[in-house]
Amino acid sequence: MRFMISMLCAAFMTTTTHAKEDLISAQDREAAVAELGQLIEDNYFDAEAGARLNAELQAFANSAEANDIDMGNLLAGVLTDRLQPQDRHFDIRWRGVDEITRTHAQRAAEDAAAAANTYTPDRWTSLRRRNFSFSDVSVLNGNIGYLNLTGFAPIEPAERTARAALDFIANTETVIIDLRENGGGSPDMVQYLLSHFLPAGEERLYNTFLPRHEARIEMSTLAEHPAGNRPDVPLYILVSPDSLSAAEALAYHLQAMGRARIIGEVTAGGGNPGEIFLASSGYSIFIPTATSVSPLTGTNWDGEGVQPDITVSAVDALDRALLEIHSYIAATAEDPGEMLAADWRVGWLGARLPPWQPDTEALEAFVGQYGPRRVWLENGRLMYQREGR
């Protein structure tokens, strides 16, 4: 199941080459396109589409447009742009031949040392420095649990952090999970979080991976969860066009189960997991090597994105979720103080969310002389002045 961890690697992949390494010859360019195209044909989960994409890339390599490309970074960007309409997960990065060679050598040395029990590399250092992508865990006014995740780390190193985050908001009455800046990651973290908000004691199938070169992999909820289960807590998930891959998976599956309300904008639409391949021509390429199918919908979100239940600008998604929650509290709270506080927040949030934009006719209704006070319209804005001031 290599592709599962590799989804996370793609989310944090960075370019480290220098400008002097960017120049490539026509021969280098043609060799790179040939190598990358063959990797796609051999590994893309849809074999027929993979062969077609390879043929299209080779045709591009022989075109006048390709002749103008003489830099590695530029070629990587152009090829990625050509591939992503087929699958949002395609991603090509220029590394340089020397870096690819060093990476291969380093991996071989680490594998040999690990096999001989002489060295165990710490694979999780970079993730630990990011707190395994748990960016913010807090309790908001109204006893609302807020969890901001910028990625999905593998559960093996991140379980203690994930459990601590869930324990911190265990006594809240509503939960918001913010995935607006989440580029994806490991499916086992999706499984961990999703299971927490479903009933205990059952293993419920929610997704099936269909790899090209491996047996199908069925993902079911955890029967027992280390942080317990909260099947009844109201749950809201915030999304944006930057929500990708595993971030979309969590939102999609919980929505399909009727377990969460999704608020924000349509997500990126990357539903096919994969892994990173290193090309000797100096490139790394993320290729979707599997697809996924929900037993509830019979499909996934690839190309379409997750459709929000409440569509608002991603910038306003948190305020919109809070408005929903406090409106409910204001309507149902038995304590007068709690009801009053929620009602005040509803008014405040309503004013923050796209405020009323009056047209010229509406503004003109306020124009006039009010004793020593004058109100007039200037450049689309109401102006006020008191006489002598």
Protein backbone atom coordinates (compact mmCIF):
# COMPACT_ATOMS: atom_id res chain seq x y z
CA MET A 1 0.00 0.00 0.00
CA ARG A 2 2.85 2.39 -0.88
CA PHE A 3 0.51 4.87 -2.50
CA MET A 4 -1.19 5.65 0.81
CA ILE A 5 1.90 7.16 2.43
CA SER A 6 3.07 8.72 -0.80
CA MET A 7 -0.03 10.91 -0.89
CA LEU A 8 1.42 12.70 2.12
CA CYS A 9 4.86 12.97 0.54
CA ALA A 10 3.33 14.80 -2.41
CA ALA A 11 1.66 17.31 -0.14
CA PHE A 12 5.00 18.43 1.33
CA MET A 13 7.23 18.01 -1.76
CA THR A 14 9.49 21.04 -2.30
CA THR A 15 11.93 22.12 -4.97
CA THR A 16 15.58 22.48 -3.90
CA THR A 17 17.48 22.91 -7.15
CA HIS A 18 19.38 26.08 -8.07
CA ALA A 19 18.86 28.28 -11.11
CA LYS A 20 22.14 27.14 -12.74
CA GLU A 21 20.73 23.60 -12.88
CA ASP A 22 17.55 24.68 -14.64
CA LEU A 23 18.88 24.91 -18.19
CA ILE A 24 18.13 21.85 -20.31
CA SER A 25 18.97 21.00 -23.91
CA ALA A 26 16.52 19.86 -26.56
CA GLN A 27 17.88 16.35 -26.15
CA ASP A 28 17.38 16.52 -22.36
CA ARG A 29 13.84 17.76 -22.86
CA GLU A 30 12.91 14.97 -25.25
CA ALA A 31 14.45 12.34 -22.99
CA ALA A 32 12.58 13.70 -19.96
CA VAL A 33 9.19 13.72 -21.71
CA ALA A 34 9.82 10.19 -22.98
CA GLU A 35 10.73 8.93 -19.50
CA LEU A 36 7.88 10.70 -17.71
CA GLY A 37 5.35 9.59 -20.30
CA GLN A 38 6.44 5.96 -19.96
CA LEU A 39 6.16 6.16 -16.17
CA ILE A 40 2.58 7.36 -16.59
CA GLU A 41 1.73 4.63 -19.09
CA ASP A 42 3.19 1.94 -16.82
CA ASN A 43 1.69 3.13 -13.52
CA TYR A 44 -1.44 5.29 -13.97
CA PHE A 45 -4.39 3.40 -12.49
CA ASP A 46 -6.30 3.60 -15.79
CA ALA A 47 -4.05 1.72 -18.22
CA GLU A 48 -5.90 2.92 -21.33
CA ALA A 49 -5.81 6.54 -20.22
CA GLY A 50 -2.14 6.16 -19.25
CA ALA A 51 -1.22 5.03 -22.76
CA ARG A 52 -3.20 7.88 -24.27
CA LEU A 53 -1.52 10.46 -22.02
CA ASN A 54 1.90 9.12 -22.95
CA ALA A 55 1.10 9.46 -26.66
CA GLU A 56 -0.15 13.02 -26.09
CA LEU A 57 3.05 13.96 -24.24
CA GLN A 58 5.23 12.56 -27.00
CA ALA A 59 3.25 14.51 -29.59
CA PHE A 60 3.77 17.62 -27.47
CA ALA A 61 7.52 16.93 -27.26
CA ASN A 62 7.71 17.16 -31.04
CA SER A 63 5.67 20.36 -31.29
CA ALA A 64 6.80 23.93 -31.90
CA GLU A 65 5.53 24.87 -28.44
CA ALA A 66 7.96 22.45 -26.80
CA ASN A 67 10.91 23.86 -28.77
CA ASP A 68 10.75 27.09 -26.75
CA ILE A 69 11.20 25.29 -23.41
CA ASP A 70 14.81 25.27 -22.27
CA MET A 71 14.46 25.20 -18.47
CA GLY A 72 13.67 22.27 -16.21
CA ASN A 73 11.23 24.15 -13.98
CA LEU A 74 9.33 25.47 -16.98
CA LEU A 75 8.99 22.03 -18.54
CA ALA A 76 7.73 20.60 -15.24
CA GLY A 77 5.07 23.31 -14.99
CA VAL A 78 3.93 22.96 -18.60
CA LEU A 79 3.62 19.18 -18.34
CA THR A 80 1.74 19.41 -15.04
CA ASP A 81 -0.72 21.87 -16.58
CA ARG A 82 -1.31 19.49 -19.48
CA LEU A 83 -1.88 16.49 -17.22
CA GLN A 84 -4.04 17.92 -14.44
CA PRO A 85 -7.23 18.24 -16.54
CA GLN A 86 -7.07 14.43 -16.74
CA ASP A 87 -6.33 13.98 -13.04
CA ARG A 88 -5.84 16.70 -10.42
CA HIS A 89 -3.20 14.63 -8.64
CA PHE A 90 -0.60 14.70 -11.42
CA ASP A 91 2.33 16.80 -10.27
CA ILE A 92 5.79 17.06 -11.85
CA ARG A 93 8.70 18.80 -10.12
CA TRP A 94 12.17 19.62 -11.45
CA ARG A 95 14.90 18.29 -9.13
CA GLY A 96 17.97 18.15 -11.32
CA VAL A 97 19.85 15.03 -12.33
CA ASP A 98 22.35 15.29 -9.47
CA GLU A 99 19.65 15.50 -6.80
CA ILE A 100 17.75 12.54 -8.23
CA THR A 101 20.98 10.53 -8.26
CA ARG A 102 21.74 11.48 -4.65
CA THR A 103 18.21 10.61 -3.57
CA HIS A 104 18.40 7.17 -5.16
CA ALA A 105 21.76 6.53 -3.48
CA GLN A 106 20.51 7.74 -0.11
CA ARG A 107 17.42 5.53 -0.27
CA ALA A 108 19.49 2.51 -1.25
CA ALA A 109 21.90 3.09 1.63
CA GLU A 110 19.10 3.52 4.15
CA ASP A 111 17.31 0.38 2.92
CA ALA A 112 20.55 -1.62 3.19
CA ALA A 113 21.31 -0.29 6.66
CA ALA A 114 17.78 -0.94 7.86
CA ALA A 115 17.92 -4.49 6.50
CA ALA A 116 21.15 -5.05 8.40
CA ASN A 117 19.66 -3.51 11.56
CA THR A 118 22.48 -0.96 11.70
CA TYR A 119 20.44 2.17 11.07
CA THR A 120 16.83 3.17 11.44
CA PRO A 121 16.12 6.53 9.79
CA ASP A 122 13.68 8.91 11.43
CA ARG A 123 11.18 9.31 8.61
CA TRP A 124 8.95 11.64 10.56
CA THR A 125 11.25 14.55 11.46
CA SER A 126 9.70 17.04 9.04
CA LEU A 127 6.16 16.04 10.06
CA ARG A 128 6.99 16.34 13.75
CA ARG A 129 8.24 19.88 13.17
CA ARG A 130 4.81 20.68 11.74
CA ASN A 131 3.09 19.09 14.76
CA PHE A 132 1.81 16.45 12.32
CA SER A 133 -0.30 19.17 10.65
CA PHE A 134 -2.46 19.85 13.72
CA SER A 135 -2.28 23.60 13.30
CA ASP A 136 -4.86 24.77 15.86
CA VAL A 137 -7.01 23.07 18.47
CA SER A 138 -9.19 25.36 20.58
CA VAL A 139 -12.57 25.87 22.23
CA LEU A 140 -14.55 28.79 20.83
CA ASN A 141 -17.36 30.80 22.44
CA GLY A 142 -20.44 28.65 22.87
CA ASN A 143 -18.36 25.57 23.82
CA ILE A 144 -17.51 24.85 20.18
CA GLY A 145 -14.53 22.61 19.45
CA TYR A 146 -12.32 23.88 16.63
CA LEU A 147 -9.73 21.70 14.89
CA ASN A 148 -7.57 23.13 12.10
CA LEU A 149 -5.70 20.51 10.05
CA THR A 150 -3.31 21.48 7.25
CA GLY A 151 -2.51 17.88 6.26
CA PHE A 152 -3.07 14.23 7.20
CA ALA A 153 0.03 12.65 8.74
CA PRO A 154 0.37 8.84 8.94
CA ILE A 155 -1.28 7.56 12.09
CA GLU A 156 1.84 5.62 13.19
CA PRO A 157 3.80 8.68 14.36
CA ALA A 158 0.85 11.05 14.77
CA GLU A 159 -1.65 9.06 16.86
CA ARG A 160 -0.67 10.59 20.20
CA THR A 161 -1.01 14.10 18.78
CA ALA A 162 -4.32 13.27 17.11
CA ARG A 163 -5.71 11.72 20.28
CA ALA A 164 -4.59 14.68 22.37
CA ALA A 165 -6.37 17.03 19.96
CA LEU A 166 -9.60 15.03 20.13
CA ASP A 167 -9.33 14.75 23.94
CA PHE A 168 -8.92 18.53 24.21
CA ILE A 169 -12.30 19.15 22.54
CA ALA A 170 -14.01 16.07 24.02
CA ASN A 171 -16.39 18.11 26.17
CA THR A 172 -17.51 20.56 23.53
CA GLU A 173 -21.09 20.56 22.29
CA THR A 174 -20.29 21.12 18.60
CA VAL A 175 -17.18 20.46 16.51
CA ILE A 176 -15.75 22.33 13.51
CA ILE A 177 -12.96 20.74 11.45
CA ASP A 178 -11.19 23.28 9.25
CA LEU A 179 -9.71 21.74 6.07
CA ARG A 180 -9.52 24.92 3.98
CA GLU A 181 -5.71 24.77 3.73
CA ASN A 182 -5.38 21.00 3.77
CA GLY A 183 -3.60 19.44 0.78
CA GLY A 184 -4.19 15.82 1.79
CA GLY A 185 -2.07 13.02 3.16
CA SER A 186 -2.52 9.59 4.65
CA PRO A 187 -5.81 7.64 4.43
CA ASP A 188 -5.25 6.05 7.84
CA MET A 189 -5.58 9.49 9.48
CA VAL A 190 -8.84 9.92 7.57
CA GLN A 191 -9.96 6.58 9.01
CA TYR A 192 -8.92 7.64 12.51
CA LEU A 193 -10.78 10.96 12.48
CA LEU A 194 -13.84 9.67 10.65
CA SER A 195 -14.25 6.74 13.09
CA HIS A 196 -14.23 9.08 16.09
CA PHE A 197 -17.48 10.67 14.92
CA LEU A 198 -19.31 7.40 14.24
CA PRO A 199 -20.79 4.80 16.63
CA ALA A 200 -18.50 2.37 18.41
CA GLY A 201 -18.72 -1.37 18.04
CA GLU A 202 -19.02 -1.64 14.27
CA GLU A 203 -16.64 -1.76 11.33
CA ARG A 204 -18.45 0.10 8.58
CA LEU A 205 -17.06 0.00 5.04
CA TYR A 206 -16.76 3.53 3.71
CA ASN A 207 -14.21 3.37 0.87
CA THR A 208 -12.51 0.89 -1.46
CA PHE A 209 -9.16 1.57 -3.13
CA LEU A 210 -8.62 -0.07 -6.51
CA PRO A 211 -4.86 -0.02 -7.31
CA ARG A 212 -3.63 -0.92 -10.77
CA HIS A 213 -0.89 -3.31 -9.63
CA GLU A 214 -2.19 -4.50 -6.25
CA ALA A 215 -5.27 -6.14 -4.75
CA ARG A 216 -8.22 -3.96 -3.78
CA ILE A 217 -8.03 -2.38 -0.32
CA GLU A 218 -11.20 -1.91 1.73
CA MET A 219 -11.31 0.85 4.32
CA SER A 220 -13.70 0.40 7.26
CA THR A 221 -14.26 2.42 10.40
CA LEU A 222 -12.52 1.43 13.63
CA ALA A 223 -14.75 -0.61 15.92
CA GLU A 224 -13.03 0.84 18.99
CA HIS A 225 -11.43 4.27 18.99
CA PRO A 226 -8.56 5.30 21.32
CA ALA A 227 -10.22 8.68 21.93
CA GLY A 228 -13.72 7.25 22.24
CA ASN A 229 -16.65 7.88 19.91
CA ARG A 230 -18.87 10.93 19.43
CA PRO A 231 -21.60 9.82 17.00
CA ASP A 232 -24.07 12.50 18.06
CA VAL A 233 -22.04 15.70 18.34
CA PRO A 234 -23.01 18.20 15.60
CA LEU A 235 -20.15 18.29 13.09
CA TYR A 236 -19.20 20.95 10.52
CA ILE A 237 -16.36 20.73 8.01
CA LEU A 238 -14.89 23.79 6.29
CA VAL A 239 -13.51 23.38 2.76
CA SER A 240 -12.04 25.44 -0.07
CA PRO A 241 -10.59 24.95 -3.57
CA ASP A 242 -7.29 24.19 -1.79
CA SER A 243 -8.81 21.20 0.03
CA LEU A 244 -7.36 18.22 -1.83
CA SER A 245 -7.14 14.44 -1.75
CA ALA A 246 -7.43 13.04 1.80
CA ALA A 247 -8.96 16.32 2.97
CA GLU A 248 -11.69 15.82 0.39
CA ALA A 249 -12.03 12.18 1.45
CA LEU A 250 -12.90 13.06 5.06
CA ALA A 251 -15.49 15.62 3.97
CA TYR A 252 -16.91 13.40 1.23
CA HIS A 253 -17.37 10.26 3.31
CA LEU A 254 -18.87 12.05 6.32
CA GLN A 255 -21.23 13.94 4.01
CA ALA A 256 -22.26 10.70 2.25
CA MET A 257 -23.01 9.18 5.66
CA GLY A 258 -25.14 12.18 6.60
CA ARG A 259 -22.79 12.78 9.50
CA ALA A 260 -21.43 16.28 8.78
CA ARG A 261 -22.41 19.53 7.10
CA ILE A 262 -19.87 20.84 4.61
CA ILE A 263 -19.42 24.63 4.39
CA GLY A 264 -17.30 26.64 1.95
CA GLU A 265 -16.41 26.28 -1.72
CA VAL A 266 -16.18 23.27 -4.03
CA THR A 267 -12.95 21.38 -3.35
CA ALA A 268 -10.07 20.65 -5.74
CA GLY A 269 -11.37 17.35 -7.08
CA GLY A 270 -8.40 14.99 -6.55
CA GLY A 271 -9.81 11.57 -5.72
CA ASN A 272 -7.18 9.15 -6.99
CA PRO A 273 -4.27 8.31 -4.62
CA GLY A 274 -0.80 7.52 -5.88
CA GLU A 275 2.91 7.72 -5.27
CA ILE A 276 6.03 9.67 -6.24
CA PHE A 277 8.35 8.30 -8.93
CA LEU A 278 11.87 9.59 -9.53
CA ALA A 279 12.96 10.05 -13.15
CA SER A 280 16.67 9.81 -13.95
CA SER A 281 16.22 12.80 -16.28
CA GLY A 282 15.95 15.00 -13.18
CA TYR A 283 12.23 15.04 -12.31
CA SER A 284 9.91 13.67 -9.68
CA ILE A 285 6.35 12.89 -10.70
CA PHE A 286 3.30 12.08 -8.60
CA ILE A 287 1.19 9.52 -10.48
CA PRO A 288 -2.25 8.36 -9.31
CA THR A 289 -1.81 4.60 -9.13
CA ALA A 290 -5.26 3.79 -7.74
CA THR A 291 -8.81 5.06 -7.67
CA SER A 292 -11.39 4.90 -4.89
CA VAL A 293 -15.08 4.05 -4.75
CA SER A 294 -17.55 4.89 -2.00
CA PRO A 295 -20.06 2.10 -1.28
CA LEU A 296 -22.64 4.80 -0.55
CA THR A 297 -22.31 6.80 -3.77
CA GLY A 298 -20.74 4.26 -6.11
CA THR A 299 -18.14 6.82 -7.17
CA ASN A 300 -15.81 9.46 -5.73
CA TRP A 301 -15.14 13.19 -5.97
CA ASP A 302 -12.43 13.11 -8.63
CA GLY A 303 -12.81 15.91 -11.14
CA GLU A 304 -15.97 17.19 -9.46
CA GLY A 305 -14.82 18.09 -5.99
CA VAL A 306 -16.86 17.83 -2.82
CA GLN A 307 -20.03 19.91 -3.12
CA PRO A 308 -20.72 21.98 0.02
CA ASP A 309 -24.06 21.81 1.79
CA ILE A 310 -23.73 25.55 2.36
CA THR A 311 -21.81 27.39 -0.35
CA VAL A 312 -20.03 30.55 0.77
CA SER A 313 -16.66 32.12 0.12
CA ALA A 314 -13.97 30.03 1.80
CA VAL A 315 -12.89 33.17 3.67
CA ASP A 316 -16.34 33.36 5.28
CA ALA A 317 -16.77 29.63 5.94
CA LEU A 318 -15.88 29.75 9.64
CA ASP A 319 -18.20 32.69 10.34
CA ARG A 320 -20.98 30.91 8.41
CA ALA A 321 -20.54 27.75 10.48
CA LEU A 322 -20.57 29.79 13.70
CA LEU A 323 -23.72 31.57 12.55
CA GLU A 324 -25.44 28.21 12.03
CA ILE A 325 -24.36 26.98 15.45
CA HIS A 326 -25.22 30.10 17.44
CA SER A 327 -28.58 30.43 15.67
CA TYR A 328 -29.42 26.93 16.88
CA ILE A 329 -28.26 27.72 20.42
CA ALA A 330 -30.29 30.95 20.47
CA ALA A 331 -33.40 29.03 19.42
CA THR A 332 -33.03 26.06 21.78
CA ALA A 333 -31.06 27.15 24.88
CA GLU A 334 -32.99 26.89 28.16
CA ASP A 335 -30.64 29.16 30.10
CA PRO A 336 -31.60 32.85 29.47
CA GLY A 337 -27.98 33.99 29.72
CA GLU A 338 -26.82 31.41 27.19
CA MET A 339 -29.68 32.32 24.88
CA LEU A 340 -28.88 36.04 25.10
CA ALA A 341 -25.17 35.48 24.42
CA ALA A 342 -25.92 33.31 21.39
CA ASP A 343 -28.43 35.83 20.08
CA TRP A 344 -25.85 38.62 20.38
CA ARG A 345 -23.31 36.51 18.46
CA VAL A 346 -25.87 35.81 15.73
CA GLY A 347 -26.28 39.54 15.17
CA TRP A 348 -22.54 40.15 15.19
CA LEU A 349 -21.83 37.29 12.77
CA GLY A 350 -24.68 38.34 10.51
CA ALA A 351 -23.10 41.77 10.22
CA ARG A 352 -19.68 40.26 9.41
CA LEU A 353 -20.96 37.96 6.69
CA PRO A 354 -21.40 39.65 3.31
CA PRO A 355 -22.87 42.86 4.73
CA TRP A 356 -25.77 44.63 3.07
CA GLN A 357 -24.59 46.66 0.07
CA PRO A 358 -27.22 49.31 -0.60
CA ASP A 359 -27.63 50.66 -4.12
CA THR A 360 -27.70 54.39 -4.95
CA GLU A 361 -31.48 54.59 -4.68
CA ALA A 362 -31.41 53.16 -1.16
CA LEU A 363 -28.69 55.57 -0.11
CA GLU A 364 -30.53 58.57 -1.53
CA ALA A 365 -33.38 57.89 0.90
CA PHE A 366 -31.14 59.09 3.71
CA VAL A 367 -30.05 62.34 2.03
CA GLY A 368 -31.41 65.51 3.61
CA GLN A 369 -31.13 68.27 6.19
CA TYR A 370 -31.85 67.19 9.76
CA GLY A 371 -31.83 70.40 11.78
CA PRO A 372 -28.14 71.33 12.15
CA ARG A 373 -27.12 67.99 10.59
CA ARG A 374 -26.69 67.38 6.87
CA VAL A 375 -26.43 64.06 5.06
CA TRP A 376 -25.47 63.89 1.38
CA LEU A 377 -24.25 61.40 -1.22
CA GLU A 378 -20.72 61.70 -2.59
CA ASN A 379 -18.99 59.14 -4.85
CA GLY A 380 -21.41 56.43 -3.81
CA ARG A 381 -20.95 57.04 -0.06
CA LEU A 382 -23.13 58.75 2.50
CA MET A 383 -21.44 61.77 4.08
CA TYR A 384 -22.45 63.45 7.37
CA GLN A 385 -21.65 66.84 8.86
CA ARG A 386 -23.01 68.86 11.75
CA GLU A 387 -23.28 72.61 11.21
CA GLY A 388 -20.11 74.41 12.30
CA ARG A 389 -18.16 71.17 12.69
